[in-house]
N, C-alpha and C. Protein backbone atom coordinates (compact mmCIF):
# COMPACT_ATOMS: atom_id res chain seq x y z
N MET A 1 23.48 21.50 16.17
CA MET A 1 22.44 22.24 15.49
C MET A 1 21.39 22.68 16.51
N SER A 2 21.01 23.92 16.47
CA SER A 2 20.01 24.40 17.42
C SER A 2 18.62 24.03 16.93
N GLU A 3 17.64 24.19 17.83
CA GLU A 3 16.26 23.85 17.49
C GLU A 3 15.73 24.74 16.37
N LYS A 4 16.20 25.99 16.28
CA LYS A 4 15.75 26.89 15.22
C LYS A 4 16.24 26.44 13.85
N GLU A 5 17.46 25.87 13.78
CA GLU A 5 18.02 25.43 12.51
C GLU A 5 17.35 24.17 11.98
N TYR A 6 17.00 23.27 12.88
CA TYR A 6 16.36 22.02 12.45
C TYR A 6 15.24 21.67 13.41
N ARG A 7 14.05 21.49 12.85
CA ARG A 7 12.91 21.09 13.67
C ARG A 7 12.26 19.89 13.02
N LYS A 8 12.27 18.78 13.73
CA LYS A 8 11.63 17.57 13.22
C LYS A 8 10.13 17.81 13.14
N PRO A 9 9.49 17.38 12.03
CA PRO A 9 8.04 17.57 11.92
C PRO A 9 7.32 16.91 13.10
N GLU A 10 6.48 17.68 13.75
CA GLU A 10 5.78 17.19 14.93
C GLU A 10 4.54 16.39 14.53
N GLU A 11 4.34 15.26 15.19
CA GLU A 11 3.12 14.49 14.96
C GLU A 11 2.02 15.07 15.83
N ILE A 12 0.93 15.43 15.19
CA ILE A 12 -0.19 16.07 15.87
C ILE A 12 -1.28 15.05 16.21
N PHE A 13 -1.53 14.13 15.28
CA PHE A 13 -2.61 13.16 15.39
C PHE A 13 -2.20 11.94 14.59
N SER A 14 -2.53 10.75 15.08
CA SER A 14 -2.07 9.54 14.40
C SER A 14 -3.10 8.43 14.53
N LYS A 15 -3.23 7.65 13.47
CA LYS A 15 -4.08 6.45 13.46
C LYS A 15 -3.28 5.32 12.82
N VAL A 16 -3.52 4.08 13.29
CA VAL A 16 -2.79 2.92 12.79
C VAL A 16 -3.79 1.87 12.34
N PHE A 17 -3.49 1.25 11.19
CA PHE A 17 -4.32 0.17 10.65
C PHE A 17 -3.40 -1.02 10.35
N ARG A 18 -3.60 -2.13 11.07
CA ARG A 18 -2.79 -3.33 10.86
C ARG A 18 -3.53 -4.28 9.93
N ALA A 19 -2.81 -4.77 8.90
CA ALA A 19 -3.40 -5.65 7.90
C ALA A 19 -2.39 -6.75 7.59
N GLY A 20 -2.39 -7.80 8.40
CA GLY A 20 -1.44 -8.90 8.19
C GLY A 20 -0.02 -8.43 8.42
N ARG A 21 0.86 -8.66 7.43
CA ARG A 21 2.27 -8.25 7.55
C ARG A 21 2.46 -6.76 7.30
N ARG A 22 1.40 -6.09 6.88
CA ARG A 22 1.50 -4.66 6.59
C ARG A 22 0.82 -3.86 7.71
N THR A 23 1.39 -2.70 7.97
CA THR A 23 0.78 -1.75 8.90
C THR A 23 0.75 -0.41 8.19
N TYR A 24 -0.38 0.28 8.29
CA TYR A 24 -0.54 1.59 7.68
C TYR A 24 -0.63 2.63 8.78
N PHE A 25 0.16 3.69 8.66
CA PHE A 25 0.15 4.78 9.61
C PHE A 25 -0.37 6.03 8.91
N PHE A 26 -1.34 6.68 9.53
CA PHE A 26 -1.88 7.94 9.04
C PHE A 26 -1.51 8.99 10.08
N ASP A 27 -0.56 9.84 9.74
CA ASP A 27 -0.03 10.81 10.70
C ASP A 27 -0.24 12.24 10.22
N VAL A 28 -0.78 13.06 11.10
CA VAL A 28 -0.89 14.49 10.83
C VAL A 28 0.38 15.12 11.39
N ARG A 29 1.05 15.90 10.56
CA ARG A 29 2.29 16.58 10.97
C ARG A 29 2.15 18.07 10.68
N GLU A 30 3.09 18.82 11.20
CA GLU A 30 3.04 20.27 11.04
C GLU A 30 4.23 20.74 10.20
N THR A 31 3.95 21.63 9.25
CA THR A 31 5.01 22.21 8.43
C THR A 31 5.74 23.28 9.22
N LYS A 32 6.86 23.73 8.68
CA LYS A 32 7.61 24.81 9.32
C LYS A 32 6.76 26.08 9.43
N ALA A 33 5.85 26.25 8.47
CA ALA A 33 4.98 27.43 8.46
C ALA A 33 3.81 27.30 9.43
N GLY A 34 3.66 26.13 10.06
CA GLY A 34 2.60 25.94 11.04
C GLY A 34 1.33 25.34 10.48
N ASP A 35 1.32 24.92 9.21
CA ASP A 35 0.15 24.28 8.62
C ASP A 35 0.26 22.78 8.82
N TYR A 36 -0.83 22.06 8.61
CA TYR A 36 -0.82 20.61 8.77
C TYR A 36 -0.80 19.91 7.43
N TYR A 37 -0.22 18.71 7.42
CA TYR A 37 -0.25 17.84 6.25
C TYR A 37 -0.34 16.40 6.74
N LEU A 38 -0.63 15.50 5.83
CA LEU A 38 -0.83 14.09 6.15
C LEU A 38 0.30 13.25 5.57
N THR A 39 0.82 12.33 6.36
CA THR A 39 1.71 11.32 5.79
C THR A 39 1.02 9.98 5.95
N ILE A 40 1.05 9.20 4.89
CA ILE A 40 0.52 7.83 4.90
C ILE A 40 1.72 6.93 4.70
N THR A 41 1.98 6.06 5.67
CA THR A 41 3.14 5.19 5.60
C THR A 41 2.69 3.74 5.60
N GLU A 42 3.18 2.97 4.63
CA GLU A 42 2.98 1.53 4.63
C GLU A 42 4.28 0.91 5.13
N SER A 43 4.16 0.09 6.16
CA SER A 43 5.33 -0.61 6.71
C SER A 43 5.07 -2.10 6.56
N LYS A 44 5.99 -2.80 5.90
CA LYS A 44 5.82 -4.22 5.64
C LYS A 44 6.95 -5.00 6.31
N LYS A 45 6.58 -5.98 7.13
CA LYS A 45 7.55 -6.79 7.85
C LYS A 45 8.09 -7.87 6.92
N ASN A 46 9.42 -7.95 6.82
CA ASN A 46 10.09 -8.95 5.98
C ASN A 46 11.11 -9.70 6.82
N MET A 47 11.36 -10.95 6.43
CA MET A 47 12.37 -11.73 7.13
C MET A 47 13.65 -11.78 6.30
N ASN A 48 14.77 -11.52 6.96
CA ASN A 48 16.08 -11.62 6.31
C ASN A 48 16.49 -13.08 6.22
N ASP A 49 17.50 -13.35 5.42
CA ASP A 49 18.01 -14.71 5.27
C ASP A 49 18.48 -15.32 6.59
N ASP A 50 18.97 -14.47 7.50
CA ASP A 50 19.47 -14.97 8.79
C ASP A 50 18.37 -15.12 9.84
N GLY A 51 17.11 -14.90 9.46
CA GLY A 51 15.99 -15.10 10.38
C GLY A 51 15.59 -13.84 11.14
N THR A 52 16.34 -12.76 10.98
CA THR A 52 15.96 -11.50 11.62
C THR A 52 14.94 -10.78 10.75
N PHE A 53 14.26 -9.81 11.32
CA PHE A 53 13.23 -9.07 10.61
C PHE A 53 13.70 -7.66 10.27
N ASN A 54 13.16 -7.15 9.17
CA ASN A 54 13.33 -5.74 8.84
C ASN A 54 11.99 -5.23 8.35
N TYR A 55 11.88 -3.93 8.25
CA TYR A 55 10.63 -3.33 7.80
C TYR A 55 10.92 -2.43 6.59
N LYS A 56 10.17 -2.68 5.51
CA LYS A 56 10.24 -1.81 4.34
C LYS A 56 9.15 -0.77 4.50
N LYS A 57 9.49 0.49 4.28
CA LYS A 57 8.51 1.54 4.45
C LYS A 57 8.36 2.35 3.17
N HIS A 58 7.12 2.69 2.85
CA HIS A 58 6.80 3.56 1.73
C HIS A 58 5.93 4.69 2.28
N LYS A 59 6.22 5.90 1.87
CA LYS A 59 5.54 7.04 2.46
C LYS A 59 4.97 7.95 1.38
N ILE A 60 3.76 8.46 1.66
CA ILE A 60 3.10 9.44 0.80
C ILE A 60 2.86 10.69 1.65
N TYR A 61 3.20 11.84 1.09
CA TYR A 61 2.92 13.11 1.74
C TYR A 61 1.74 13.75 1.03
N LEU A 62 0.73 14.12 1.79
CA LEU A 62 -0.48 14.69 1.19
C LEU A 62 -0.80 16.02 1.87
N TYR A 63 -0.89 17.05 1.06
CA TYR A 63 -1.11 18.40 1.58
C TYR A 63 -2.57 18.81 1.39
N LYS A 64 -3.03 19.75 2.23
CA LYS A 64 -4.44 20.14 2.27
C LYS A 64 -5.02 20.48 0.91
N GLU A 65 -4.24 21.16 0.08
CA GLU A 65 -4.77 21.58 -1.21
C GLU A 65 -5.11 20.39 -2.12
N ASP A 66 -4.60 19.21 -1.77
CA ASP A 66 -4.85 18.01 -2.58
C ASP A 66 -5.88 17.06 -1.96
N PHE A 67 -6.33 17.33 -0.74
CA PHE A 67 -7.24 16.42 -0.04
C PHE A 67 -8.50 16.12 -0.84
N GLY A 68 -9.16 17.15 -1.36
CA GLY A 68 -10.44 16.96 -2.04
C GLY A 68 -10.31 16.03 -3.24
N ARG A 69 -9.36 16.32 -4.11
CA ARG A 69 -9.20 15.51 -5.33
C ARG A 69 -8.71 14.10 -4.99
N PHE A 70 -7.81 13.99 -4.00
CA PHE A 70 -7.29 12.69 -3.57
C PHE A 70 -8.45 11.82 -3.07
N LYS A 71 -9.27 12.38 -2.17
CA LYS A 71 -10.40 11.64 -1.61
C LYS A 71 -11.40 11.27 -2.71
N GLU A 72 -11.66 12.20 -3.61
CA GLU A 72 -12.58 11.96 -4.72
C GLU A 72 -12.12 10.77 -5.57
N LEU A 73 -10.85 10.77 -5.94
CA LEU A 73 -10.32 9.67 -6.78
C LEU A 73 -10.23 8.36 -6.00
N LEU A 74 -9.85 8.43 -4.72
CA LEU A 74 -9.81 7.22 -3.89
C LEU A 74 -11.20 6.61 -3.78
N ASP A 75 -12.21 7.45 -3.52
CA ASP A 75 -13.59 6.96 -3.45
C ASP A 75 -14.02 6.34 -4.78
N GLU A 76 -13.64 6.98 -5.89
CA GLU A 76 -14.01 6.50 -7.21
C GLU A 76 -13.39 5.13 -7.52
N VAL A 77 -12.10 4.98 -7.27
CA VAL A 77 -11.46 3.71 -7.60
C VAL A 77 -11.86 2.60 -6.64
N THR A 78 -12.08 2.92 -5.36
CA THR A 78 -12.53 1.87 -4.45
C THR A 78 -13.96 1.43 -4.78
N ALA A 79 -14.82 2.37 -5.16
CA ALA A 79 -16.19 2.02 -5.58
C ALA A 79 -16.15 1.16 -6.83
N PHE A 80 -15.26 1.48 -7.78
CA PHE A 80 -15.12 0.68 -8.99
C PHE A 80 -14.76 -0.77 -8.63
N ILE A 81 -13.79 -0.94 -7.76
CA ILE A 81 -13.37 -2.29 -7.37
C ILE A 81 -14.51 -3.05 -6.70
N ILE A 82 -15.21 -2.41 -5.78
CA ILE A 82 -16.34 -3.06 -5.09
C ILE A 82 -17.44 -3.39 -6.08
N ASN A 83 -17.75 -2.47 -7.00
CA ASN A 83 -18.80 -2.72 -8.00
C ASN A 83 -18.42 -3.85 -8.95
N GLU A 84 -17.16 -3.92 -9.33
CA GLU A 84 -16.71 -4.95 -10.27
C GLU A 84 -16.50 -6.31 -9.62
N LYS A 85 -15.98 -6.33 -8.40
CA LYS A 85 -15.57 -7.59 -7.77
C LYS A 85 -16.26 -7.90 -6.45
N GLY A 86 -17.09 -6.99 -5.97
CA GLY A 86 -17.78 -7.22 -4.70
C GLY A 86 -16.87 -6.95 -3.52
N GLU A 87 -17.42 -7.09 -2.31
CA GLU A 87 -16.66 -6.79 -1.11
C GLU A 87 -15.88 -7.99 -0.58
N GLU A 88 -16.26 -9.18 -1.00
CA GLU A 88 -15.56 -10.37 -0.52
C GLU A 88 -14.19 -10.49 -1.14
N VAL A 89 -13.25 -10.98 -0.35
CA VAL A 89 -11.92 -11.27 -0.88
C VAL A 89 -12.04 -12.53 -1.71
N ILE A 90 -11.60 -12.47 -2.95
CA ILE A 90 -11.77 -13.60 -3.87
C ILE A 90 -10.92 -14.78 -3.44
N SER A 91 -9.69 -14.53 -3.08
CA SER A 91 -8.81 -15.62 -2.69
C SER A 91 -8.80 -15.77 -1.18
N GLU A 92 -9.13 -16.96 -0.71
CA GLU A 92 -9.12 -17.18 0.73
C GLU A 92 -7.71 -17.08 1.30
N ARG A 93 -6.71 -17.18 0.46
CA ARG A 93 -5.32 -17.03 0.92
C ARG A 93 -5.07 -15.64 1.48
N HIS A 94 -5.87 -14.67 1.11
CA HIS A 94 -5.69 -13.31 1.59
C HIS A 94 -6.39 -13.07 2.93
N GLN A 95 -7.13 -14.05 3.40
CA GLN A 95 -7.81 -13.91 4.69
C GLN A 95 -6.81 -14.04 5.82
N LYS A 96 -6.99 -13.26 6.88
CA LYS A 96 -6.06 -13.27 8.01
C LYS A 96 -5.99 -14.64 8.68
N ASP A 97 -7.12 -15.36 8.71
CA ASP A 97 -7.16 -16.64 9.42
C ASP A 97 -6.99 -17.85 8.49
N PHE A 98 -6.47 -17.62 7.27
CA PHE A 98 -6.30 -18.71 6.32
C PHE A 98 -5.29 -19.73 6.83
N LYS A 99 -5.70 -21.00 6.78
CA LYS A 99 -4.81 -22.12 7.11
C LYS A 99 -4.92 -23.11 5.97
N PRO A 100 -3.79 -23.40 5.30
CA PRO A 100 -3.86 -24.34 4.18
C PRO A 100 -4.34 -25.71 4.64
N SER A 101 -5.20 -26.31 3.85
CA SER A 101 -5.68 -27.66 4.18
C SER A 101 -4.83 -28.68 3.45
N ASP A 102 -5.08 -29.96 3.73
CA ASP A 102 -4.30 -31.03 3.11
C ASP A 102 -4.51 -31.08 1.59
N ASN A 103 -5.66 -30.62 1.11
CA ASN A 103 -5.94 -30.70 -0.33
C ASN A 103 -5.60 -29.40 -1.06
N THR A 104 -4.80 -28.54 -0.43
CA THR A 104 -4.43 -27.27 -1.06
C THR A 104 -3.74 -27.50 -2.39
N GLU A 105 -2.88 -28.52 -2.47
CA GLU A 105 -2.17 -28.77 -3.72
C GLU A 105 -3.12 -29.05 -4.87
N SER A 106 -4.21 -29.73 -4.60
CA SER A 106 -5.12 -30.09 -5.68
C SER A 106 -5.88 -28.89 -6.24
N ILE A 107 -6.02 -27.83 -5.44
CA ILE A 107 -6.76 -26.68 -5.94
C ILE A 107 -5.85 -25.51 -6.31
N THR A 108 -4.56 -25.65 -6.08
CA THR A 108 -3.62 -24.57 -6.36
C THR A 108 -2.82 -24.88 -7.61
N GLU A 109 -2.87 -23.98 -8.58
CA GLU A 109 -2.07 -24.14 -9.78
C GLU A 109 -0.63 -23.76 -9.49
N THR A 110 0.28 -24.46 -10.11
CA THR A 110 1.68 -24.05 -10.01
C THR A 110 1.89 -22.86 -10.92
N THR A 111 3.01 -22.20 -10.77
CA THR A 111 3.33 -21.05 -11.62
C THR A 111 3.36 -21.47 -13.09
N GLU A 112 3.94 -22.66 -13.36
CA GLU A 112 3.99 -23.15 -14.75
C GLU A 112 2.59 -23.35 -15.31
N GLU A 113 1.69 -23.96 -14.52
CA GLU A 113 0.32 -24.19 -14.98
C GLU A 113 -0.37 -22.86 -15.27
N LYS A 114 -0.16 -21.86 -14.41
CA LYS A 114 -0.78 -20.56 -14.62
C LYS A 114 -0.27 -19.94 -15.92
N GLU A 115 1.05 -20.06 -16.17
CA GLU A 115 1.61 -19.49 -17.39
C GLU A 115 1.06 -20.20 -18.62
N GLU A 116 0.90 -21.53 -18.55
CA GLU A 116 0.36 -22.28 -19.68
C GLU A 116 -1.09 -21.92 -19.93
N ASN A 117 -1.86 -21.63 -18.86
CA ASN A 117 -3.29 -21.35 -18.99
C ASN A 117 -3.59 -19.88 -19.25
N SER A 118 -2.58 -19.04 -19.23
CA SER A 118 -2.79 -17.60 -19.38
C SER A 118 -2.54 -17.17 -20.81
N ASP A 119 -3.41 -16.24 -21.29
CA ASP A 119 -3.19 -15.66 -22.62
C ASP A 119 -1.98 -14.74 -22.59
N GLU A 120 -1.81 -14.04 -21.47
CA GLU A 120 -0.69 -13.14 -21.31
C GLU A 120 0.13 -13.64 -20.13
N THR A 121 1.42 -13.55 -20.24
CA THR A 121 2.29 -13.96 -19.15
C THR A 121 3.06 -12.74 -18.68
N PRO A 122 2.53 -12.03 -17.66
CA PRO A 122 3.25 -10.85 -17.18
C PRO A 122 4.52 -11.27 -16.48
N SER A 123 5.58 -10.54 -16.74
CA SER A 123 6.86 -10.83 -16.10
C SER A 123 6.92 -10.14 -14.75
N THR A 124 7.37 -10.87 -13.75
CA THR A 124 7.52 -10.26 -12.43
C THR A 124 8.83 -9.51 -12.33
N ASN A 125 9.67 -9.61 -13.35
CA ASN A 125 10.95 -8.92 -13.33
C ASN A 125 10.91 -7.57 -14.03
N GLU A 126 9.76 -7.21 -14.61
CA GLU A 126 9.65 -5.96 -15.34
C GLU A 126 8.81 -4.97 -14.53
N PHE A 127 9.14 -3.70 -14.69
CA PHE A 127 8.39 -2.64 -14.03
C PHE A 127 7.77 -1.77 -15.09
N THR A 128 6.66 -1.16 -14.75
CA THR A 128 6.01 -0.24 -15.66
C THR A 128 6.82 1.04 -15.69
N ASP A 129 7.12 1.53 -16.89
CA ASP A 129 7.85 2.77 -17.04
C ASP A 129 6.83 3.90 -17.00
N VAL A 130 6.88 4.72 -15.94
CA VAL A 130 5.92 5.79 -15.77
C VAL A 130 6.63 7.11 -15.94
N ASN A 131 6.08 7.95 -16.78
CA ASN A 131 6.60 9.30 -16.94
C ASN A 131 5.57 10.24 -16.34
N PHE A 132 5.89 10.82 -15.18
CA PHE A 132 4.93 11.65 -14.48
C PHE A 132 4.66 12.97 -15.18
N ASP A 133 5.51 13.34 -16.14
CA ASP A 133 5.26 14.55 -16.92
C ASP A 133 4.02 14.39 -17.78
N ASP A 134 3.67 13.13 -18.10
CA ASP A 134 2.51 12.85 -18.95
C ASP A 134 1.19 12.97 -18.17
N ILE A 135 1.27 12.96 -16.86
CA ILE A 135 0.06 12.99 -16.04
C ILE A 135 -0.34 14.44 -15.85
N GLY A 136 -1.50 14.77 -16.34
CA GLY A 136 -1.98 16.15 -16.23
C GLY A 136 -3.02 16.27 -15.14
N ASP A 137 -3.40 17.48 -14.84
CA ASP A 137 -4.48 17.71 -13.88
C ASP A 137 -5.79 17.31 -14.53
N GLU A 138 -6.57 16.55 -13.80
CA GLU A 138 -7.85 16.11 -14.36
C GLU A 138 -8.97 16.91 -13.79
């Protein structure tokens, strides 16, 4: 295949954010028409049963015409979370430097205890059925 028939999207600008086992890549790429777009990739490191590692990746493509609304909604939902729950991470288990102490068992509920104490028991085996046709422009 010649270069004219297939051209891999060129990376123009890139930023990386590492967050524990996850890494986020923000890459500016160029379309065939010469315009720019953004890809946001989440890469999560997982261990296989044999002890080797693999990476699961999820990617979002964001085009210029959507930047304003995307940023507006991102700002809105992040502000909601900060206003409702504050900036501190509620669970110390989510801290990068978390080290379980000897008394962790006494403060950690088992899955059974959580289910018994919960009004609702969400299943981890079920997924939300989303119909994107129902989502309109806001």
